[in-house]
Amino acid sequence: MNENCILEVIAKLIANGLASPETIVGCSEEELNKLEQSCKIRLPRVYREFLLKMGHGAGNFLQGTDIFFNHNFFGNDFYELQEAAKRLLIRNGNNFSLPSDAFVFSMHQGYQFNYFSLSRGDDPPVYFYETRPEHCEKKWETFSQFLLVSCEEEIRLDQLIRRMEKEKCEALKLK
C-alpha cells in the first residue's frame, strides 16, 4: 500500500457519511516542515502524505483519538504526546520502553497508543500499546494498513450504530 491508500480511505469516509470533502482538512507543507525541523526528524513518506491530506481532521473519523495535527502535534505539543506515552509506560510499571526512534502518532483516551519507528522506511509497521490488558504488539504491517483497517472498523461500527438506532425507533413505534 502507499499514498493511494489515503485517497481510498478518504473516498470510503465520504461514501459512508463519516466525513464530507469540507471536513477533510490537510496540513500545509510549511506546518510539516516546521514540525520536522523543530523535532529534527524526517517523517515517513506515507504518514507525511496522510498529514497533507487529512492532518487537521477528517469528519468523524478517529474522533476521541489524538491523531490529528490540531490535537497534539503543533509546537511543543508533539513532545507532549511522546512524553504522555512514556509516562503511561512508567505508571504501569512496564519493563517495555519505546525504541529511541519511536514516533508516537496517536493516543486514545490516555490508555492506548500507536507508534512507528522513524527508521523503518516510507510506510513503517505500526505498533500498538494498551494498558487493559497490558501489552505491546506489532499490529499492522504498515501505516497504510493501520489507516485502512481503522477506516473499515469505523465504517462497520457506524453502520451497526445506525442499524441499532433504526431498530430502536421502529420498536418504539410499535409500542
Protein backbone atom coordinates (compact mmCIF):
# COMPACT_ATOMS: atom_id res chain seq x y z
CA MET A 1 0.00 0.00 0.00
CA ASN A 2 1.02 3.61 -0.40
CA GLU A 3 -0.33 7.13 -0.78
CA ASN A 4 -3.20 5.72 -2.89
CA CYS A 5 -4.43 4.09 0.31
CA ILE A 6 -5.01 7.54 1.78
CA LEU A 7 -7.16 8.54 -1.20
CA GLU A 8 -9.05 5.24 -0.80
CA VAL A 9 -9.67 5.98 2.88
CA ILE A 10 -10.92 9.47 2.05
CA ALA A 11 -13.28 8.08 -0.60
CA LYS A 12 -14.63 5.48 1.85
CA LEU A 13 -15.15 8.05 4.60
CA ILE A 14 -17.12 10.29 2.25
CA ALA A 15 -19.12 7.44 0.66
CA ASN A 16 -20.14 6.14 4.09
CA GLY A 17 -21.03 9.51 5.60
CA LEU A 18 -18.24 9.69 8.17
CA ALA A 19 -16.78 12.78 6.51
CA SER A 20 -17.50 15.27 3.79
CA PRO A 21 -14.99 16.97 1.50
CA GLU A 22 -15.34 20.11 3.63
CA THR A 23 -14.41 18.28 6.84
CA ILE A 24 -11.30 16.65 5.42
CA VAL A 25 -8.55 19.17 6.01
CA GLY A 26 -4.87 18.59 5.41
CA CYS A 27 -1.80 20.22 6.86
CA SER A 28 0.40 22.51 4.84
CA GLU A 29 3.93 21.68 3.73
CA GLU A 30 5.04 24.58 5.90
CA GLU A 31 3.49 23.05 9.03
CA LEU A 32 5.12 19.68 8.37
CA ASN A 33 8.49 21.24 7.56
CA LYS A 34 8.31 23.21 10.80
CA LEU A 35 7.48 20.05 12.76
CA GLU A 36 10.32 18.09 11.17
CA GLN A 37 12.83 20.90 11.68
CA SER A 38 11.87 21.59 15.29
CA CYS A 39 11.99 17.89 16.19
CA LYS A 40 14.99 17.09 13.99
CA ILE A 41 13.20 14.20 12.33
CA ARG A 42 12.04 13.11 8.89
CA LEU A 43 8.52 11.72 8.84
CA PRO A 44 7.85 8.58 6.80
CA ARG A 45 6.50 9.39 3.32
CA VAL A 46 3.08 7.74 3.75
CA TYR A 47 2.49 9.27 7.18
CA ARG A 48 3.50 12.66 5.80
CA GLU A 49 1.02 12.18 2.95
CA PHE A 50 -1.70 11.33 5.50
CA LEU A 51 -0.99 14.63 7.28
CA LEU A 52 -1.00 16.55 3.99
CA LYS A 53 -4.39 15.07 3.00
CA MET A 54 -6.22 14.94 6.35
CA GLY A 55 -3.84 16.01 9.09
CA HIS A 56 -6.19 18.61 10.59
CA GLY A 57 -9.20 16.31 10.62
CA ALA A 58 -11.46 14.03 8.65
CA GLY A 59 -15.04 14.45 9.82
CA ASN A 60 -15.95 11.85 12.44
CA PHE A 61 -13.02 9.59 11.59
CA LEU A 62 -10.98 8.70 14.69
CA GLN A 63 -12.88 11.08 16.95
CA GLY A 64 -11.72 10.72 20.54
CA THR A 65 -8.22 9.82 19.41
CA ASP A 66 -5.37 12.33 19.48
CA ILE A 67 -4.06 11.72 15.97
CA PHE A 68 -4.71 14.93 14.08
CA PHE A 69 -2.31 17.84 13.89
CA ASN A 70 -4.58 20.22 15.76
CA HIS A 71 -4.66 18.00 18.85
CA ASN A 72 -1.13 17.26 19.90
CA PHE A 73 1.38 17.90 17.18
CA PHE A 74 1.80 21.63 16.92
CA GLY A 75 4.86 23.18 18.50
CA ASN A 76 5.86 21.63 21.80
CA ASP A 77 2.67 19.57 21.95
CA PHE A 78 4.39 16.99 19.73
CA TYR A 79 6.71 16.28 22.63
CA GLU A 80 3.76 16.04 25.00
CA LEU A 81 2.31 13.09 23.07
CA GLN A 82 5.68 11.33 23.16
CA GLU A 83 6.05 12.09 26.86
CA ALA A 84 2.46 11.01 27.63
CA ALA A 85 3.23 7.59 26.14
CA LYS A 86 6.42 7.31 28.21
CA ARG A 87 4.55 8.33 31.39
CA LEU A 88 1.88 5.72 30.67
CA LEU A 89 4.55 3.02 30.42
CA ILE A 90 6.18 4.14 33.68
CA ARG A 91 2.85 4.45 35.51
CA ASN A 92 2.02 0.87 34.59
CA GLY A 93 5.42 -0.40 35.74
CA ASN A 94 6.07 -1.86 32.32
CA ASN A 95 9.53 -3.14 31.51
CA PHE A 96 8.88 -2.20 27.90
CA SER A 97 10.34 1.08 26.68
CA LEU A 98 9.87 2.81 23.38
CA PRO A 99 12.65 2.47 20.80
CA SER A 100 14.87 5.54 20.57
CA ASP A 101 13.42 6.41 17.14
CA ALA A 102 9.79 5.79 18.10
CA PHE A 103 7.26 8.31 16.89
CA VAL A 104 4.02 8.11 18.86
CA PHE A 105 1.44 9.36 16.38
CA SER A 106 -1.78 8.66 18.25
CA MET A 107 -3.14 8.16 21.73
CA HIS A 108 -6.65 7.07 22.57
CA GLN A 109 -8.29 8.09 25.85
CA GLY A 110 -4.95 8.01 27.68
CA TYR A 111 -4.69 4.22 27.91
CA GLN A 112 -3.51 3.11 24.48
CA PHE A 113 -1.22 4.49 21.82
CA ASN A 114 0.24 3.68 18.41
CA TYR A 115 3.75 4.33 17.20
CA PHE A 116 6.19 3.53 14.44
CA SER A 117 9.95 3.68 14.23
CA LEU A 118 11.24 6.53 12.10
CA SER A 119 13.98 4.30 10.68
CA ARG A 120 11.60 1.65 9.29
CA GLY A 121 11.01 3.11 5.83
CA ASP A 122 8.37 5.08 3.93
CA ASP A 123 5.41 3.01 5.19
CA PRO A 124 6.56 1.62 8.53
CA PRO A 125 4.95 -1.08 10.67
CA VAL A 126 2.67 0.24 13.39
CA TYR A 127 2.89 -0.93 16.98
CA PHE A 128 0.04 -0.82 19.46
CA TYR A 129 0.31 -0.48 23.25
CA GLU A 130 -2.64 -0.94 25.56
CA THR A 131 -2.95 -0.95 29.33
CA ARG A 132 -6.07 -3.17 29.56
CA PRO A 133 -4.81 -5.87 29.22
CA GLU A 134 -1.29 -4.55 29.20
CA HIS A 135 0.61 -5.50 26.08
CA CYS A 136 2.54 -4.12 23.12
CA GLU A 137 2.49 -5.70 19.69
CA LYS A 138 3.16 -5.04 16.05
CA LYS A 139 -0.46 -4.82 14.97
CA TRP A 140 -0.22 -3.53 11.39
CA GLU A 141 2.42 -4.28 8.79
CA THR A 142 2.33 -0.70 7.50
CA PHE A 143 0.92 2.71 8.39
CA SER A 144 -1.25 2.35 5.26
CA GLN A 145 -2.74 -0.84 6.66
CA PHE A 146 -3.38 0.87 10.01
CA LEU A 147 -5.24 3.64 8.24
CA LEU A 148 -7.31 1.37 6.01
CA VAL A 149 -8.24 -1.05 8.81
CA SER A 150 -9.14 1.85 11.12
CA CYS A 151 -11.37 3.28 8.41
CA GLU A 152 -13.11 -0.04 7.79
CA GLU A 153 -13.62 -0.62 11.52
CA GLU A 154 -15.16 2.81 11.98
CA ILE A 155 -17.46 2.30 9.00
CA ARG A 156 -18.65 -1.05 10.42
CA LEU A 157 -19.20 0.50 13.84
CA ASP A 158 -21.09 3.44 12.37
CA GLN A 159 -23.30 1.09 10.33
CA LEU A 160 -24.00 -1.02 13.43
CA ILE A 161 -24.96 2.04 15.46
CA ARG A 162 -27.24 3.31 12.69
CA ARG A 163 -28.90 -0.10 12.39
CA MET A 164 -29.43 -0.30 16.17
CA GLU A 165 -30.86 3.22 16.27
CA LYS A 166 -33.24 2.38 13.42
CA GLU A 167 -34.36 -0.82 15.17
CA LYS A 168 -34.90 1.10 18.41
CA CYS A 169 -37.00 3.71 16.63
CA GLU A 170 -39.06 1.00 14.94
CA ALA A 171 -39.57 -0.80 18.26
CA LEU A 172 -40.76 2.44 19.87
CA LYS A 173 -43.26 2.97 17.05
CA LEU A 174 -44.76 -0.46 17.75
CA LYS A 175 -45.48 0.40 21.38
